[in-house]
């Protein structure tokens, strides 16, 4: 039996049939970095889903809260709560003030009551304190709450140290030179008198100068700060002593003056004045009385009296001529 027909048949079959595609083996897909990270978390997929959901809710809530803060909602809620607390009884019903001696009590009340609300939580203690510190008499102030309805204010007032005459006006000043209040010429307090531009800032220096010669202090009527550099001293007996520039030089000159006065009797003997502006020299001006310039409320400025040229007669042991 011939094999050719079989071979032809196989060939026909091969030629007539469509070639079958070769099967390709699928490669397993590699997990991504995110999938690997999630798979490594110590929680189930259900728990992870819940965490993701709440995170989204939290982010949305944060955005809403930020918008509310920008719109002032928390402040309005806080003010409302504080106002409700005040309505319930925690409000300022009494103001206790300690330390007032010269300042008007009504002025203090005005600073406390000038508030948008009297509810105790809404009263700003620091604002009240800062308002009080703007008044010249107030050196320091402490403000505190005493629940349920008392506000306590302790004030430390400044102490008057001298009267400052400047441009014809009289003002009380404290030891550091802070102006406190005007003074009437008809009601002058028993305090030292300083005269001249910037003399208030020299109060401590004036006090120290006189403390070096305490025996002379009761005899001094006023002191004038001249040219922002030195002192003229007016005595109750009518004389004027012109001191040199410089603190140490003025102290030394005043010591010399007191020593000479103890032996030569310079004061209350008809002398007009004494010039010690030049070191180691004392010029005595005779005849007449020099008064410190009076306060003139309408005067534009304080002008010291001019001193006419006179014959000088220095005491024994002193220089001669003008200073």
Protein backbone atom coordinates (compact mmCIF):
# COMPACT_ATOMS: atom_id res chain seq x y z
CA UNK A 1 0.00 0.00 0.00
CA UNK A 2 1.46 3.29 -1.00
CA UNK A 3 2.34 5.89 1.69
CA UNK A 4 2.01 8.84 -0.65
CA UNK A 5 -1.71 9.46 -0.23
CA UNK A 6 -1.26 9.53 3.53
CA UNK A 7 1.55 12.00 3.23
CA UNK A 8 -0.56 14.07 0.81
CA UNK A 9 -3.44 13.97 3.19
CA UNK A 10 -1.27 15.16 6.06
CA UNK A 11 0.12 17.86 3.85
CA UNK A 12 -3.35 18.94 2.83
CA UNK A 13 -4.44 19.03 6.34
CA UNK A 14 -1.49 21.12 7.33
CA UNK A 15 -2.02 23.47 4.41
CA UNK A 16 -5.76 23.82 4.83
CA UNK A 17 -5.86 24.41 8.59
CA UNK A 18 -5.04 27.72 10.16
CA UNK A 19 -1.96 27.61 12.24
CA UNK A 20 -2.74 27.58 15.91
CA UNK A 21 -1.14 30.45 17.90
CA UNK A 22 1.50 29.36 20.21
CA UNK A 23 0.43 29.62 23.78
CA UNK A 24 2.36 32.24 25.82
CA UNK A 25 2.93 31.69 29.53
CA UNK A 26 1.75 34.65 31.68
CA UNK A 27 4.35 36.12 33.94
CA UNK A 28 3.20 36.94 37.52
CA UNK A 29 2.76 40.77 38.03
CA UNK A 30 5.16 42.39 40.47
CA UNK A 31 3.55 44.33 43.35
CA UNK A 32 4.08 48.11 43.31
CA UNK A 33 5.87 50.08 46.05
CA UNK A 34 2.56 51.40 47.47
CA UNK A 35 1.06 47.91 47.51
CA UNK A 36 4.09 46.58 49.28
CA UNK A 37 3.92 49.39 51.86
CA UNK A 38 0.22 48.76 52.51
CA UNK A 39 0.83 45.02 52.78
CA UNK A 40 3.49 45.68 55.36
CA UNK A 41 1.12 47.62 57.66
CA UNK A 42 0.13 45.68 60.79
CA UNK A 43 -3.62 46.10 60.18
CA UNK A 44 -6.36 44.52 58.18
CA UNK A 45 -7.73 46.08 54.96
CA UNK A 46 -10.96 46.94 56.76
CA UNK A 47 -9.07 48.87 59.46
CA UNK A 48 -7.01 50.63 56.82
CA UNK A 49 -10.17 51.68 55.05
CA UNK A 50 -11.59 53.18 58.25
CA UNK A 51 -8.35 55.08 58.95
CA UNK A 52 -8.36 56.50 55.44
CA UNK A 53 -12.00 57.59 55.73
CA UNK A 54 -11.45 59.36 59.07
CA UNK A 55 -8.31 61.05 57.77
CA UNK A 56 -10.32 62.57 54.94
CA UNK A 57 -13.01 63.67 57.39
CA UNK A 58 -10.37 65.21 59.66
CA UNK A 59 -8.78 67.14 56.80
CA UNK A 60 -12.14 68.56 55.76
CA UNK A 61 -12.88 69.49 59.38
CA UNK A 62 -9.54 71.29 59.68
CA UNK A 63 -10.34 73.36 56.61
CA UNK A 64 -13.74 74.26 58.02
CA UNK A 65 -12.20 75.17 61.40
CA UNK A 66 -9.60 77.40 59.73
CA UNK A 67 -12.30 79.25 57.84
CA UNK A 68 -14.23 79.68 61.08
CA UNK A 69 -11.21 81.10 62.89
CA UNK A 70 -10.59 83.57 60.08
CA UNK A 71 -14.21 84.62 60.32
CA UNK A 72 -13.90 85.23 64.09
CA UNK A 73 -16.32 82.51 65.14
CA UNK A 74 -14.28 81.29 68.19
CA UNK A 75 -13.90 84.86 69.47
CA UNK A 76 -17.61 85.44 69.18
CA UNK A 77 -18.28 82.19 71.00
CA UNK A 78 -15.77 83.14 73.73
CA UNK A 79 -17.27 86.60 74.18
CA UNK A 80 -20.72 85.07 74.34
CA UNK A 81 -19.65 82.62 77.02
CA UNK A 82 -17.91 85.36 79.03
CA UNK A 83 -20.95 87.59 78.74
CA UNK A 84 -23.15 84.74 79.95
CA UNK A 85 -20.83 84.26 82.94
CA UNK A 86 -21.14 87.99 83.68
CA UNK A 87 -24.92 87.80 83.47
CA UNK A 88 -24.80 84.92 85.90
CA UNK A 89 -23.16 87.12 88.55
CA UNK A 90 -19.42 87.37 87.77
CA UNK A 91 -19.32 91.06 86.85
CA UNK A 92 -17.64 94.16 88.24
CA UNK A 93 -19.88 95.40 91.05
CA UNK A 94 -17.20 97.04 93.22
CA UNK A 95 -13.87 98.81 92.63
CA UNK A 96 -11.36 98.98 95.48
CA UNK A 97 -8.57 101.57 95.12
CA UNK A 98 -5.54 101.74 97.41
CA UNK A 99 -2.64 104.21 97.43
CA UNK A 100 -4.40 107.37 96.21
CA UNK A 101 -3.26 110.56 97.95
CA UNK A 102 -3.28 113.30 95.34
CA UNK A 103 -4.80 111.81 92.19
CA UNK A 104 -8.54 112.21 91.61
CA UNK A 105 -10.40 108.99 92.48
CA UNK A 106 -13.04 109.64 89.82
CA UNK A 107 -10.32 109.52 87.15
CA UNK A 108 -9.42 105.99 88.20
CA UNK A 109 -13.07 104.91 88.08
CA UNK A 110 -13.37 106.24 84.55
CA UNK A 111 -10.45 104.14 83.33
CA UNK A 112 -11.92 100.97 84.83
CA UNK A 113 -15.49 101.50 83.69
CA UNK A 114 -14.50 102.48 80.15
CA UNK A 115 -14.98 98.90 78.97
CA UNK A 116 -17.26 97.28 76.41
CA UNK A 117 -18.61 95.01 79.11
CA UNK A 118 -18.48 94.79 82.90
CA UNK A 119 -18.43 90.99 82.82
CA UNK A 120 -15.43 90.03 84.97
CA UNK A 121 -13.85 87.70 82.36
CA UNK A 122 -13.98 90.47 79.72
CA UNK A 123 -12.24 93.16 81.81
CA UNK A 124 -8.64 93.40 80.56
CA UNK A 125 -6.43 93.97 83.61
CA UNK A 126 -3.43 94.98 81.49
CA UNK A 127 -5.46 97.52 79.51
CA UNK A 128 -6.66 99.14 82.74
CA UNK A 129 -3.08 99.25 84.06
CA UNK A 130 -1.69 100.82 80.88
CA UNK A 131 -4.40 103.50 80.94
CA UNK A 132 -3.55 104.40 84.52
CA UNK A 133 0.19 104.60 83.79
CA UNK A 134 -0.48 107.41 81.31
CA UNK A 135 -1.34 109.77 84.18
CA UNK A 136 1.67 111.74 85.53
CA UNK A 137 0.90 111.00 89.19
CA UNK A 138 0.89 107.22 88.66
CA UNK A 139 4.34 105.70 89.03
CA UNK A 140 3.03 102.12 89.01
CA UNK A 141 -0.31 100.30 89.17
CA UNK A 142 -1.39 96.74 89.93
CA UNK A 143 -4.84 95.52 88.89
CA UNK A 144 -6.36 92.22 90.05
CA UNK A 145 -9.70 90.41 90.28
CA UNK A 146 -11.30 89.42 93.55
CA UNK A 147 -14.16 87.14 92.63
CA UNK A 148 -17.03 87.22 92.37
CA UNK A 149 -17.42 90.95 91.63
CA UNK A 150 -14.54 93.09 92.96
CA UNK A 151 -11.75 94.73 90.97
CA UNK A 152 -8.79 95.75 93.14
CA UNK A 153 -6.40 98.53 92.06
CA UNK A 154 -3.22 99.38 93.97
CA UNK A 155 -1.57 102.62 92.85
CA UNK A 156 1.90 103.89 93.66
CA UNK A 157 1.93 107.67 93.28
CA UNK A 158 4.93 109.82 92.50
CA UNK A 159 6.29 112.04 95.27
CA UNK A 160 6.65 115.80 94.65
CA UNK A 161 10.26 116.89 95.07
CA UNK A 162 10.44 120.44 93.75
CA UNK A 163 8.68 123.20 91.81
CA UNK A 164 9.94 123.84 88.29
CA UNK A 165 9.56 127.32 86.78
CA UNK A 166 9.82 127.30 83.00
CA UNK A 167 8.57 129.90 80.51
CA UNK A 168 6.68 131.61 83.32
CA UNK A 169 4.81 128.46 84.33
CA UNK A 170 5.09 126.60 87.64
CA UNK A 171 4.92 122.81 87.74
CA UNK A 172 5.35 120.20 90.43
CA UNK A 173 8.01 117.62 89.57
CA UNK A 174 9.08 114.33 91.12
CA UNK A 175 12.70 113.39 92.02
CA UNK A 176 13.35 112.23 88.45
CA UNK A 177 12.00 115.46 86.96
CA UNK A 178 8.62 114.18 85.72
CA UNK A 179 6.11 117.10 85.63
CA UNK A 180 3.08 116.28 87.76
CA UNK A 181 0.67 119.20 87.75
CA UNK A 182 0.58 123.03 87.56
CA UNK A 183 1.10 125.11 90.67
CA UNK A 184 -0.52 128.45 91.43
CA UNK A 185 1.88 131.25 92.43
CA UNK A 186 -0.54 132.02 95.26
CA UNK A 187 -0.30 128.49 96.63
CA UNK A 188 3.38 127.63 96.39
CA UNK A 189 4.26 124.47 98.32
CA UNK A 190 7.24 124.38 100.65
CA UNK A 191 9.53 122.78 98.09
CA UNK A 192 12.77 123.80 96.34
CA UNK A 193 12.38 126.04 93.30
CA UNK A 194 14.17 125.22 90.04
CA UNK A 195 14.27 127.74 87.19
CA UNK A 196 15.14 127.40 83.53
CA UNK A 197 14.90 125.23 80.46
CA UNK A 198 15.68 121.61 81.35
CA UNK A 199 16.11 122.34 85.04
CA UNK A 200 13.61 119.60 85.90
CA UNK A 201 15.99 116.96 84.54
CA UNK A 202 18.69 118.27 86.92
CA UNK A 203 16.72 117.82 90.13
CA UNK A 204 18.87 114.92 91.31
CA UNK A 205 22.06 116.93 90.60
CA UNK A 206 20.66 119.96 92.45
CA UNK A 207 19.81 117.85 95.47
CA UNK A 208 23.24 116.22 95.52
CA UNK A 209 24.98 119.60 95.25
CA UNK A 210 23.16 121.03 98.27
CA UNK A 211 23.63 117.85 100.28
CA UNK A 212 27.40 118.46 100.16
CA UNK A 213 26.78 121.64 102.22
CA UNK A 214 23.70 120.90 104.36
CA UNK A 215 24.18 124.04 106.45
CA UNK A 216 23.65 126.20 103.36
CA UNK A 217 20.48 124.46 102.24
CA UNK A 218 18.00 126.48 104.41
CA UNK A 219 19.46 129.72 103.02
CA UNK A 220 18.80 128.85 99.37
CA UNK A 221 15.64 130.38 97.85
CA UNK A 222 15.95 129.05 94.30
CA UNK A 223 18.39 127.57 91.80
CA UNK A 224 18.54 128.40 88.10
CA UNK A 225 19.92 126.02 85.47
CA UNK A 226 21.78 128.31 83.04
CA UNK A 227 22.51 127.38 79.44
CA UNK A 228 22.02 123.71 80.19
CA UNK A 229 25.48 123.62 81.74
CA UNK A 230 25.72 125.26 85.19
CA UNK A 231 23.86 126.60 88.26
CA UNK A 232 23.04 130.06 89.64
CA UNK A 233 22.05 129.95 93.29
CA UNK A 234 19.67 132.57 94.80
CA UNK A 235 19.74 133.11 98.56
CA UNK A 236 16.89 134.20 100.82
CA UNK A 237 18.99 137.23 101.80
CA UNK A 238 18.96 138.47 98.19
CA UNK A 239 22.38 137.48 96.79
CA UNK A 240 23.16 135.34 93.76
CA UNK A 241 26.04 132.87 93.54
CA UNK A 242 27.24 131.93 90.05
CA UNK A 243 28.82 128.47 90.09
CA UNK A 244 31.16 126.99 87.44
CA UNK A 245 30.32 124.27 84.91
CA UNK A 246 30.76 120.63 85.88
CA UNK A 247 29.47 118.75 88.88
CA UNK A 248 32.84 118.33 90.62
CA UNK A 249 33.78 121.97 89.93
CA UNK A 250 30.46 123.24 91.32
CA UNK A 251 30.82 121.13 94.47
CA UNK A 252 34.38 122.42 95.02
CA UNK A 253 33.34 126.05 94.45
CA UNK A 254 30.42 125.76 96.87
CA UNK A 255 32.70 124.28 99.51
CA UNK A 256 35.10 127.22 99.08
CA UNK A 257 32.24 129.71 99.28
CA UNK A 258 30.98 128.23 102.56
CA UNK A 259 34.50 128.30 104.02
CA UNK A 260 34.99 131.98 103.10
CA UNK A 261 31.51 132.92 104.31
CA UNK A 262 32.27 131.40 107.70
CA UNK A 263 35.16 133.84 108.15
CA UNK A 264 34.29 136.81 105.92
CA UNK A 265 30.48 136.87 106.40
CA UNK A 266 29.57 137.22 102.73
CA UNK A 267 25.83 136.68 103.07
CA UNK A 268 23.43 139.26 104.55
CA UNK A 269 26.01 142.04 104.38
CA UNK A 270 24.76 144.12 101.48
CA UNK A 271 26.51 142.20 98.73
CA UNK A 272 24.78 141.93 95.39
CA UNK A 273 26.24 138.64 94.24
CA UNK A 274 29.21 136.33 93.95
CA UNK A 275 30.84 135.05 90.79
CA UNK A 276 32.82 131.81 91.02
CA UNK A 277 32.64 130.71 87.39
CA UNK A 278 36.43 130.92 87.10
CA UNK A 279 38.36 128.35 89.11
CA UNK A 280 40.05 129.60 92.28
CA UNK A 281 38.51 133.05 91.94
CA UNK A 282 35.67 134.77 93.81
CA UNK A 283 34.29 138.06 92.55
CA UNK A 284 32.05 139.96 94.94
CA UNK A 285 29.46 142.39 93.56
CA UNK A 286 28.35 144.91 96.14
CA UNK A 287 25.14 146.87 96.80
CA UNK A 288 21.64 145.81 95.82
CA UNK A 289 19.55 142.70 95.99
CA UNK A 290 19.00 140.22 93.19
CA UNK A 291 15.68 138.37 93.18
CA UNK A 292 14.99 135.25 91.13
CA UNK A 293 12.69 135.97 88.18
CA UNK A 294 9.01 135.78 89.15
CA UNK A 295 6.66 133.40 87.34
CA UNK A 296 4.67 135.20 84.63
CA UNK A 297 1.92 133.04 83.17
CA UNK A 298 1.76 135.03 79.91
CA UNK A 299 5.51 135.37 79.43
CA UNK A 300 6.97 133.51 76.46
CA UNK A 301 10.14 132.69 78.32
CA UNK A 302 11.92 133.22 81.63
CA UNK A 303 14.66 135.88 81.48
CA UNK A 304 17.10 136.31 84.32
CA UNK A 305 17.93 139.87 85.39
CA UNK A 306 21.07 141.34 83.89
CA UNK A 307 23.83 142.35 86.25
CA UNK A 308 25.31 145.80 85.75
CA UNK A 309 29.03 146.19 85.97
CA UNK A 310 30.11 147.21 89.45
CA UNK A 311 33.32 147.56 91.32
CA UNK A 312 34.44 144.21 92.65
CA UNK A 313 36.07 143.79 96.02
CA UNK A 314 37.27 140.22 96.57
CA UNK A 315 37.74 139.02 100.12
CA UNK A 316 41.20 138.37 101.43
CA UNK A 317 42.81 135.38 99.84
CA UNK A 318 40.70 135.47 96.65
CA UNK A 319 41.31 136.62 93.07
CA UNK A 320 40.25 139.92 91.57
CA UNK A 321 38.43 140.99 88.45
CA UNK A 322 35.39 139.67 86.57
CA UNK A 323 34.73 135.91 86.09
